[in-house]
Amino acid sequence: MASKLDSALQTTVASVPECVAAGLVDLSTGMLLGVKTVDSHPSEVLELVAAATSDMFQGSNVVMIEKMFKKTRGLKDDGIITSRN
């Protein structure tokens, strides 16, 4: 029986056009918590992608930009980066 995470990842891959992979990364540690890909990939490669994803979302420039957007929108800086776009 698939876990809720596995099911959510499978649903994501199936519902996003041309999606080749979906994963859940703990941004505080860079650890890959779950992944679903259409092809198999070595775990070392997936772990590097997870770490790069963490860096991408928590890099100093991204954090600075997010703070500026929140300030412009009059929102409290809660340290969480989200997007509906």
Protein backbone atom coordinates (compact mmCIF):
# COMPACT_ATOMS: atom_id res chain seq x y z
CA MET A 1 0.00 0.00 0.00
CA ALA A 2 1.40 3.37 -1.01
CA SER A 3 1.97 6.05 1.60
CA LYS A 4 0.16 9.39 1.45
CA LEU A 5 3.42 11.00 0.32
CA ASP A 6 3.91 8.45 -2.49
CA SER A 7 0.30 8.95 -3.59
CA ALA A 8 0.66 12.74 -3.57
CA LEU A 9 3.86 12.57 -5.61
CA GLN A 10 2.27 10.17 -8.11
CA THR A 11 -0.77 12.43 -8.44
CA THR A 12 1.50 15.42 -9.03
CA VAL A 13 3.50 13.68 -11.76
CA ALA A 14 0.30 12.49 -13.42
CA SER A 15 -1.47 15.86 -13.29
CA VAL A 16 1.33 18.22 -14.39
CA PRO A 17 1.80 18.26 -18.18
CA GLU A 18 5.19 16.89 -19.26
CA CYS A 19 6.25 16.37 -15.63
CA VAL A 20 9.20 14.01 -15.35
CA ALA A 21 9.69 14.09 -11.58
CA ALA A 22 8.24 15.31 -8.30
CA GLY A 23 9.88 15.33 -4.92
CA LEU A 24 9.52 16.58 -1.39
CA VAL A 25 12.61 18.23 0.09
CA ASP A 26 13.06 19.30 3.71
CA LEU A 27 14.40 22.79 3.04
CA SER A 28 15.98 23.09 6.47
CA THR A 29 18.20 20.03 5.93
CA GLY A 30 18.20 19.59 2.15
CA MET A 31 17.09 16.00 2.70
CA LEU A 32 14.99 14.30 0.04
CA LEU A 33 11.93 12.91 1.81
CA GLY A 34 10.25 11.36 -1.20
CA VAL A 35 10.52 11.25 -4.97
CA LYS A 36 8.60 9.94 -7.98
CA THR A 37 10.23 9.99 -11.41
CA VAL A 38 9.26 8.61 -14.79
CA ASP A 39 12.79 7.15 -15.12
CA SER A 40 15.12 5.67 -12.55
CA HIS A 41 18.01 7.79 -11.31
CA PRO A 42 20.87 7.01 -8.92
CA SER A 43 20.10 8.05 -5.35
CA GLU A 44 23.29 10.14 -5.28
CA VAL A 45 21.98 12.28 -8.14
CA LEU A 46 18.58 12.73 -6.50
CA GLU A 47 20.22 13.72 -3.21
CA LEU A 48 22.31 16.36 -5.01
CA VAL A 49 19.20 17.71 -6.70
CA ALA A 50 17.47 17.89 -3.31
CA ALA A 51 20.38 19.81 -1.79
CA ALA A 52 20.44 22.17 -4.79
CA THR A 53 16.68 22.71 -4.41
CA SER A 54 17.18 23.67 -0.79
CA ASP A 55 19.94 26.10 -1.78
CA MET A 56 17.77 27.55 -4.55
CA PHE A 57 14.88 28.34 -2.20
CA GLN A 58 16.93 29.41 0.78
CA GLY A 59 19.85 31.15 -0.90
CA SER A 60 20.48 34.68 0.34
CA ASN A 61 19.22 36.35 -2.84
CA VAL A 62 15.94 34.41 -2.85
CA VAL A 63 15.33 35.12 0.82
CA MET A 64 16.07 38.83 0.29
CA ILE A 65 13.70 39.01 -2.70
CA GLU A 66 10.94 37.21 -0.80
CA LYS A 67 11.31 39.63 2.13
CA MET A 68 11.05 42.57 -0.27
CA PHE A 69 7.90 41.15 -1.89
CA LYS A 70 6.29 40.57 1.51
CA LYS A 71 7.16 44.08 2.66
CA THR A 72 5.70 45.54 -0.55
CA ARG A 73 2.52 43.51 -0.07
CA GLY A 74 2.25 44.50 3.58
CA LEU A 75 2.69 40.91 4.75
CA LYS A 76 4.48 39.69 7.85
CA ASP A 77 7.84 38.04 7.17
CA ASP A 78 7.26 34.56 8.52
CA GLY A 79 10.35 33.03 6.89
CA ILE A 80 8.22 30.84 4.62
CA ILE A 81 8.57 31.04 0.85
CA THR A 82 5.43 30.16 -1.09
CA SER A 83 4.01 30.86 -4.51
CA ARG A 84 0.76 30.23 -6.31
CA ASN A 85 2.45 31.01 -9.62
